[in-house]
Amino acid sequence: MLKEIGLPIRNTGTYIGHGVETQFMANLAIACAAVEEGKLYPAGGPADAGTGPSDLSQVIVTGVANWRGEGLALIERAD
């Protein structure tokens, strides 16, 4: 759905694996770094889509797990 409305998508599992519960925390750190830099890292696999904006200020991080592990976080720049 995000791809259809033109939002960029990055699949970090391509780079760091699929640690299920631990991947959410790693993705939070990656999102914080991306917002701090103001840009996404380049697409790296078939699950990635779109190019990021040149002035990235928000990132949504999603996560799933085996037991009570669904998660959603909004990371945004605080000016």
N, C-alpha and C. Protein backbone atom coordinates (compact mmCIF):
# COMPACT_ATOMS: atom_id res chain seq x y z
N MET A 1 0.82 -1.19 0.00
CA MET A 1 0.00 0.00 0.00
C MET A 1 0.86 1.26 0.00
N LEU A 2 1.93 1.29 0.80
CA LEU A 2 2.78 2.47 0.82
C LEU A 2 3.41 2.73 -0.54
N LYS A 3 3.80 1.64 -1.21
CA LYS A 3 4.40 1.77 -2.54
C LYS A 3 3.42 2.41 -3.52
N GLU A 4 2.15 2.05 -3.43
CA GLU A 4 1.15 2.58 -4.35
C GLU A 4 0.92 4.08 -4.17
N ILE A 5 1.12 4.59 -2.96
CA ILE A 5 0.91 6.03 -2.75
C ILE A 5 2.23 6.82 -2.83
N GLY A 6 3.30 6.12 -3.22
CA GLY A 6 4.55 6.81 -3.51
C GLY A 6 5.49 7.01 -2.33
N LEU A 7 5.23 6.36 -1.20
CA LEU A 7 6.13 6.49 -0.06
C LEU A 7 7.28 5.50 -0.18
N PRO A 8 8.48 5.90 0.17
CA PRO A 8 9.60 4.96 0.08
C PRO A 8 9.51 3.88 1.15
N ILE A 9 10.01 2.70 0.81
CA ILE A 9 9.99 1.56 1.72
C ILE A 9 11.40 0.98 1.77
N ARG A 10 11.87 0.66 2.97
CA ARG A 10 13.15 0.00 3.13
C ARG A 10 12.97 -1.25 3.97
N ASN A 11 13.55 -2.35 3.52
CA ASN A 11 13.50 -3.63 4.21
C ASN A 11 14.85 -3.86 4.86
N THR A 12 14.99 -3.51 6.12
CA THR A 12 16.27 -3.64 6.79
C THR A 12 16.68 -5.09 6.99
N GLY A 13 15.74 -6.01 6.91
CA GLY A 13 16.07 -7.42 7.04
C GLY A 13 17.08 -7.87 6.00
N THR A 14 17.13 -7.19 4.86
CA THR A 14 18.11 -7.49 3.83
C THR A 14 19.53 -7.33 4.38
N TYR A 15 19.70 -6.39 5.28
CA TYR A 15 21.03 -6.06 5.80
C TYR A 15 21.32 -6.68 7.16
N ILE A 16 20.34 -6.70 8.05
CA ILE A 16 20.61 -7.13 9.43
C ILE A 16 19.93 -8.44 9.80
N GLY A 17 19.22 -9.05 8.89
CA GLY A 17 18.54 -10.30 9.18
C GLY A 17 17.16 -10.05 9.79
N HIS A 18 16.50 -11.13 10.18
CA HIS A 18 15.14 -11.04 10.71
C HIS A 18 15.12 -11.59 12.13
N GLY A 19 15.57 -10.79 13.06
CA GLY A 19 15.62 -11.19 14.45
C GLY A 19 14.31 -11.06 15.17
N VAL A 20 13.23 -10.82 14.48
CA VAL A 20 11.87 -10.67 14.98
C VAL A 20 11.82 -9.61 16.08
N GLU A 21 11.86 -9.99 17.34
CA GLU A 21 11.71 -9.02 18.42
C GLU A 21 12.83 -7.98 18.42
N THR A 22 14.04 -8.39 18.19
CA THR A 22 15.17 -7.46 18.25
C THR A 22 15.26 -6.54 17.04
N GLN A 23 14.65 -6.93 15.94
CA GLN A 23 14.74 -6.12 14.74
C GLN A 23 14.05 -4.78 14.92
N PHE A 24 12.98 -4.73 15.70
CA PHE A 24 12.27 -3.46 15.92
C PHE A 24 13.21 -2.44 16.56
N MET A 25 13.95 -2.85 17.57
CA MET A 25 14.88 -1.93 18.24
C MET A 25 15.98 -1.48 17.29
N ALA A 26 16.49 -2.40 16.48
CA ALA A 26 17.51 -2.03 15.50
C ALA A 26 16.95 -1.05 14.48
N ASN A 27 15.71 -1.28 14.05
CA ASN A 27 15.08 -0.37 13.09
C ASN A 27 14.83 1.01 13.68
N LEU A 28 14.55 1.09 14.97
CA LEU A 28 14.41 2.40 15.62
C LEU A 28 15.73 3.16 15.54
N ALA A 29 16.83 2.48 15.80
CA ALA A 29 18.13 3.13 15.72
C ALA A 29 18.44 3.59 14.29
N ILE A 30 18.13 2.74 13.32
CA ILE A 30 18.36 3.10 11.92
C ILE A 30 17.49 4.30 11.53
N ALA A 31 16.25 4.31 11.99
CA ALA A 31 15.35 5.42 11.69
C ALA A 31 15.85 6.72 12.31
N CYS A 32 16.34 6.65 13.54
CA CYS A 32 16.89 7.85 14.19
C CYS A 32 18.08 8.39 13.40
N ALA A 33 18.94 7.49 12.94
CA ALA A 33 20.09 7.92 12.14
C ALA A 33 19.65 8.55 10.82
N ALA A 34 18.64 7.96 10.19
CA ALA A 34 18.15 8.50 8.92
C ALA A 34 17.55 9.90 9.11
N VAL A 35 16.78 10.08 10.17
CA VAL A 35 16.19 11.40 10.43
C VAL A 35 17.29 12.40 10.77
N GLU A 36 18.28 11.98 11.53
CA GLU A 36 19.39 12.87 11.87
C GLU A 36 20.15 13.31 10.61
N GLU A 37 20.36 12.36 9.67
CA GLU A 37 21.05 12.66 8.42
C GLU A 37 20.15 13.42 7.43
N GLY A 38 18.83 13.27 7.60
CA GLY A 38 17.89 13.92 6.70
C GLY A 38 17.65 13.17 5.41
N LYS A 39 18.07 11.88 5.35
CA LYS A 39 17.85 11.08 4.13
C LYS A 39 17.88 9.60 4.47
N LEU A 40 17.21 8.82 3.61
CA LEU A 40 17.21 7.37 3.73
C LEU A 40 18.44 6.80 3.07
N TYR A 41 18.82 5.59 3.50
CA TYR A 41 19.88 4.89 2.79
C TYR A 41 19.30 4.39 1.47
N PRO A 42 20.15 4.13 0.48
CA PRO A 42 19.66 3.72 -0.84
C PRO A 42 18.92 2.38 -0.79
N ALA A 43 18.02 2.19 -1.73
CA ALA A 43 17.31 0.91 -1.87
C ALA A 43 18.34 -0.17 -2.14
N GLY A 44 18.13 -1.36 -1.53
CA GLY A 44 19.13 -2.40 -1.66
C GLY A 44 18.61 -3.75 -2.05
N GLY A 45 17.33 -3.90 -2.20
CA GLY A 45 16.80 -5.22 -2.53
C GLY A 45 15.44 -5.10 -3.17
N PRO A 46 14.87 -6.23 -3.59
CA PRO A 46 13.59 -6.20 -4.28
C PRO A 46 12.42 -5.74 -3.40
N ALA A 47 12.55 -5.81 -2.09
CA ALA A 47 11.47 -5.36 -1.21
C ALA A 47 11.51 -3.86 -0.97
N ASP A 48 12.61 -3.21 -1.34
CA ASP A 48 12.72 -1.76 -1.18
C ASP A 48 12.04 -1.07 -2.35
N ALA A 49 11.48 0.09 -2.08
CA ALA A 49 10.79 0.82 -3.14
C ALA A 49 10.97 2.31 -2.94
N GLY A 50 11.03 3.04 -4.03
CA GLY A 50 11.03 4.49 -4.01
C GLY A 50 12.33 5.11 -3.52
N THR A 51 12.42 6.39 -3.76
CA THR A 51 13.55 7.17 -3.26
C THR A 51 13.05 8.04 -2.13
N GLY A 52 13.88 8.26 -1.17
CA GLY A 52 13.50 9.09 -0.03
C GLY A 52 13.58 10.56 -0.38
N PRO A 53 12.88 11.39 0.37
CA PRO A 53 12.95 12.83 0.15
C PRO A 53 14.33 13.36 0.55
N SER A 54 14.70 14.51 0.03
CA SER A 54 16.00 15.08 0.36
C SER A 54 15.98 15.76 1.73
N ASP A 55 14.82 15.93 2.31
CA ASP A 55 14.70 16.59 3.62
C ASP A 55 13.88 15.73 4.58
N LEU A 56 14.29 14.49 4.76
CA LEU A 56 13.57 13.54 5.60
C LEU A 56 13.45 14.05 7.03
N SER A 57 12.23 14.10 7.54
CA SER A 57 12.02 14.56 8.92
C SER A 57 11.16 13.60 9.74
N GLN A 58 10.58 12.58 9.09
CA GLN A 58 9.76 11.60 9.79
C GLN A 58 10.00 10.21 9.20
N VAL A 59 9.97 9.20 10.07
CA VAL A 59 10.07 7.81 9.65
C VAL A 59 9.10 7.00 10.50
N ILE A 60 8.36 6.10 9.87
CA ILE A 60 7.51 5.17 10.60
C ILE A 60 8.23 3.82 10.64
N VAL A 61 8.32 3.25 11.83
CA VAL A 61 8.95 1.94 12.02
C VAL A 61 7.86 0.97 12.47
N THR A 62 7.78 -0.17 11.80
CA THR A 62 6.82 -1.20 12.19
C THR A 62 7.56 -2.43 12.66
N GLY A 63 6.90 -3.25 13.45
CA GLY A 63 7.52 -4.47 13.94
C GLY A 63 6.49 -5.52 14.28
N VAL A 64 6.90 -6.76 14.16
CA VAL A 64 6.05 -7.89 14.54
C VAL A 64 6.91 -8.86 15.35
N ALA A 65 6.27 -9.70 16.10
CA ALA A 65 6.99 -10.69 16.89
C ALA A 65 6.13 -11.92 17.06
N ASN A 66 6.63 -12.89 17.79
CA ASN A 66 5.91 -14.15 17.96
C ASN A 66 4.82 -14.07 19.01
N TRP A 67 4.99 -13.20 20.01
CA TRP A 67 4.03 -13.15 21.10
C TRP A 67 3.95 -11.72 21.62
N ARG A 68 2.80 -11.09 21.47
CA ARG A 68 2.59 -9.71 21.93
C ARG A 68 3.63 -8.74 21.38
N GLY A 69 3.97 -8.88 20.14
CA GLY A 69 5.08 -8.10 19.64
C GLY A 69 4.79 -7.09 18.56
N GLU A 70 3.54 -6.82 18.23
CA GLU A 70 3.28 -5.86 17.19
C GLU A 70 3.66 -4.48 17.69
N GLY A 71 4.28 -3.69 16.82
CA GLY A 71 4.70 -2.37 17.25
C GLY A 71 4.69 -1.38 16.10
N LEU A 72 4.56 -0.11 16.46
CA LEU A 72 4.59 0.98 15.50
C LEU A 72 5.18 2.18 16.22
N ALA A 73 6.12 2.84 15.58
CA ALA A 73 6.72 4.03 16.17
C ALA A 73 6.88 5.09 15.10
N LEU A 74 6.68 6.33 15.49
CA LEU A 74 6.92 7.47 14.62
C LEU A 74 8.15 8.18 15.14
N ILE A 75 9.18 8.27 14.32
CA ILE A 75 10.40 9.00 14.66
C ILE A 75 10.35 10.29 13.86
N GLU A 76 10.48 11.42 14.54
CA GLU A 76 10.49 12.68 13.82
C GLU A 76 11.47 13.66 14.42
N ARG A 77 11.94 14.55 13.58
CA ARG A 77 12.92 15.55 14.00
C ARG A 77 12.27 16.54 14.96
N ALA A 78 12.99 16.84 16.01
CA ALA A 78 12.54 17.86 16.97
C ALA A 78 13.37 19.11 16.73
N ASP A 79 12.75 20.13 16.19
CA ASP A 79 13.48 21.38 15.90
C ASP A 79 13.40 22.35 17.05
